N, C-alpha and C. Protein backbone atom coordinates (compact mmCIF):
# COMPACT_ATOMS: atom_id res chain seq x y z
N MET A 1 206.28 58.93 -60.37
CA MET A 1 206.74 59.85 -61.65
C MET A 1 206.07 59.36 -62.87
N PHE A 2 205.74 60.45 -63.76
CA PHE A 2 205.02 60.15 -65.00
C PHE A 2 205.71 60.98 -65.99
N GLY A 3 205.79 60.45 -67.29
CA GLY A 3 206.61 61.10 -68.24
C GLY A 3 207.30 60.42 -69.22
N THR A 4 208.13 60.91 -69.76
CA THR A 4 208.85 60.25 -70.97
C THR A 4 210.38 60.22 -71.05
N LEU A 5 210.84 58.86 -71.27
CA LEU A 5 212.26 58.86 -70.83
C LEU A 5 212.80 58.33 -72.04
N THR A 6 213.69 58.90 -72.66
CA THR A 6 214.28 58.89 -74.19
C THR A 6 215.60 58.31 -73.99
N GLN A 7 215.80 57.13 -74.86
CA GLN A 7 217.14 56.41 -74.26
C GLN A 7 217.76 56.49 -75.78
N ASN A 8 219.12 56.10 -75.95
CA ASN A 8 219.69 55.87 -77.26
C ASN A 8 219.91 54.48 -77.37
N ALA A 9 220.62 54.01 -78.75
CA ALA A 9 220.49 52.38 -78.72
C ALA A 9 221.04 51.67 -77.68
N LYS A 10 222.31 52.31 -77.04
CA LYS A 10 222.89 52.04 -75.87
C LYS A 10 222.13 51.73 -74.79
N GLY A 11 220.98 52.27 -74.64
CA GLY A 11 220.28 52.27 -73.43
C GLY A 11 220.55 53.59 -72.37
N GLN A 12 221.13 54.22 -72.77
CA GLN A 12 221.77 55.58 -72.02
C GLN A 12 220.59 56.57 -72.14
N VAL A 13 220.29 57.17 -71.08
CA VAL A 13 219.24 58.07 -70.88
C VAL A 13 219.59 59.41 -71.59
N LEU A 14 218.96 60.01 -72.54
CA LEU A 14 219.18 61.21 -73.29
C LEU A 14 218.25 62.37 -72.69
N ALA A 15 217.09 62.06 -72.52
CA ALA A 15 216.39 62.95 -72.13
C ALA A 15 215.01 62.39 -70.95
N ILE A 16 214.60 63.42 -70.07
CA ILE A 16 213.52 62.91 -69.31
C ILE A 16 212.49 64.08 -69.35
N HIS A 17 211.01 63.87 -69.59
CA HIS A 17 210.33 64.64 -69.72
C HIS A 17 209.39 64.49 -68.70
N VAL A 18 209.28 65.04 -67.59
CA VAL A 18 208.38 64.83 -66.47
C VAL A 18 207.00 65.40 -66.63
N THR A 19 205.81 64.84 -66.44
CA THR A 19 204.46 65.19 -66.48
C THR A 19 203.82 65.54 -65.28
N ASP A 20 204.23 64.48 -64.15
CA ASP A 20 203.82 64.61 -62.77
C ASP A 20 204.72 63.47 -61.80
N ILE A 21 204.67 64.22 -60.89
CA ILE A 21 205.49 63.38 -59.74
C ILE A 21 204.55 62.81 -58.60
N GLU A 22 204.89 61.67 -58.14
CA GLU A 22 203.95 61.05 -57.09
C GLU A 22 204.79 61.09 -55.77
N ILE A 23 204.42 61.85 -54.69
CA ILE A 23 205.35 61.59 -53.58
C ILE A 23 205.17 60.52 -52.87
N LEU A 24 206.09 59.94 -52.57
CA LEU A 24 206.33 58.43 -51.84
C LEU A 24 206.51 58.84 -50.41
N PRO A 25 206.18 57.94 -49.71
CA PRO A 25 206.23 58.06 -48.13
C PRO A 25 207.75 58.18 -47.47
N SER A 26 208.01 58.87 -46.62
CA SER A 26 209.52 59.12 -46.07
C SER A 26 209.95 57.60 -45.89
N THR A 27 211.36 57.97 -45.75
CA THR A 27 211.94 56.61 -45.36
C THR A 27 211.69 55.98 -44.13
N THR A 28 211.21 56.96 -43.20
CA THR A 28 210.88 56.46 -41.77
C THR A 28 209.50 55.28 -41.80
N ARG A 29 208.95 55.62 -42.97
CA ARG A 29 207.53 54.73 -43.14
C ARG A 29 207.60 53.60 -44.16
N LEU A 30 208.72 53.70 -44.90
CA LEU A 30 208.94 52.76 -46.00
C LEU A 30 209.99 51.94 -45.69
N PRO A 31 209.67 50.43 -45.58
CA PRO A 31 210.41 49.49 -45.23
C PRO A 31 211.63 49.58 -45.86
N ARG A 32 212.86 49.26 -45.29
CA ARG A 32 214.30 49.27 -45.85
C ARG A 32 214.29 48.11 -47.04
N ALA A 33 213.56 47.18 -46.94
CA ALA A 33 213.59 45.73 -47.66
C ALA A 33 212.89 46.44 -49.09
N ASP A 34 212.01 47.42 -49.00
CA ASP A 34 211.68 47.91 -50.30
C ASP A 34 212.61 48.75 -50.84
N LEU A 35 213.65 49.22 -50.36
CA LEU A 35 214.54 50.28 -51.10
C LEU A 35 215.76 49.49 -51.55
N ALA A 36 215.96 48.25 -51.30
CA ALA A 36 217.09 47.45 -51.45
C ALA A 36 217.36 47.24 -52.93
N GLY A 37 216.28 47.09 -53.92
CA GLY A 37 216.45 47.18 -55.34
C GLY A 37 216.43 48.46 -56.00
N GLY A 38 216.10 49.70 -55.12
CA GLY A 38 215.79 50.77 -55.83
C GLY A 38 214.26 50.95 -56.34
N PHE A 39 213.94 51.98 -56.76
CA PHE A 39 212.73 51.95 -57.17
C PHE A 39 212.35 51.76 -58.58
N TYR A 40 213.50 51.28 -59.44
CA TYR A 40 213.27 50.85 -60.80
C TYR A 40 214.67 50.10 -61.23
N PRO A 41 214.46 48.85 -60.45
CA PRO A 41 215.49 47.79 -60.54
C PRO A 41 215.71 47.45 -61.85
N GLU A 42 214.83 47.46 -62.79
CA GLU A 42 215.02 46.91 -64.24
C GLU A 42 216.07 47.92 -65.02
N MET A 43 216.20 48.93 -64.43
CA MET A 43 216.98 50.05 -65.32
C MET A 43 218.59 49.37 -65.24
N THR A 44 218.97 48.78 -64.26
CA THR A 44 220.45 48.27 -64.11
C THR A 44 220.58 46.81 -64.60
N GLY A 45 219.64 46.24 -65.13
CA GLY A 45 219.73 44.75 -65.51
C GLY A 45 219.82 44.02 -64.23
N GLY A 46 219.50 44.34 -63.09
CA GLY A 46 219.92 43.30 -62.06
C GLY A 46 221.19 43.61 -61.34
N LEU A 47 221.87 44.72 -61.77
CA LEU A 47 223.18 44.99 -61.16
C LEU A 47 222.60 45.88 -59.82
N THR A 48 223.80 45.95 -58.87
CA THR A 48 223.62 47.00 -57.82
C THR A 48 223.88 48.11 -58.40
N ALA A 49 223.38 49.39 -57.49
CA ALA A 49 224.04 50.41 -57.95
C ALA A 49 225.33 50.89 -58.21
N ALA A 50 226.40 50.03 -57.43
CA ALA A 50 227.67 50.18 -57.37
C ALA A 50 228.19 49.80 -58.80
N GLU A 51 227.49 48.44 -58.89
CA GLU A 51 228.01 47.46 -60.25
C GLU A 51 227.52 48.42 -61.43
N HIS A 52 226.26 48.77 -61.52
CA HIS A 52 226.00 49.71 -62.59
C HIS A 52 226.80 50.80 -62.89
N LEU A 53 227.32 51.45 -62.00
CA LEU A 53 227.86 52.59 -62.02
C LEU A 53 229.58 52.28 -62.69
N ALA A 54 229.80 51.17 -62.21
CA ALA A 54 231.01 50.86 -62.89
C ALA A 54 231.10 50.19 -63.99
N VAL A 55 230.11 49.81 -64.56
CA VAL A 55 230.19 49.63 -65.95
C VAL A 55 229.71 50.82 -66.72
N ILE A 56 229.24 51.76 -66.34
CA ILE A 56 229.02 53.12 -67.08
C ILE A 56 230.25 53.65 -67.09
N ARG A 57 231.12 53.75 -66.15
CA ARG A 57 232.63 54.19 -65.92
C ARG A 57 233.57 53.39 -66.66
N GLY A 58 233.21 52.26 -67.17
CA GLY A 58 234.02 51.46 -67.96
C GLY A 58 234.99 50.72 -67.08
N GLU A 59 234.72 50.75 -65.61
CA GLU A 59 235.52 49.73 -64.74
C GLU A 59 235.45 48.38 -64.64
N ALA A 60 234.38 47.85 -65.42
CA ALA A 60 233.78 46.63 -65.09
C ALA A 60 233.82 45.99 -66.47
C-alpha cells in the first residue's frame, strides 16, 4: 500500500490517503511465520495486537 498516513502528537492515526494498493499473496501461499508480527509491526512498538488494543482502550 502506498500513500500518506497522518498522525497526531500521540501517534494516533488521523487520516489515511491511499494512492496505490499492492495485492499480497493469499494466506494459503504466505507462511504463517510471516504473519506473526503483522505487516507493519513497528506501528505497535513491539506489542502484540491484543496488547496494543489494551493500551489504546486504557486497559493496560
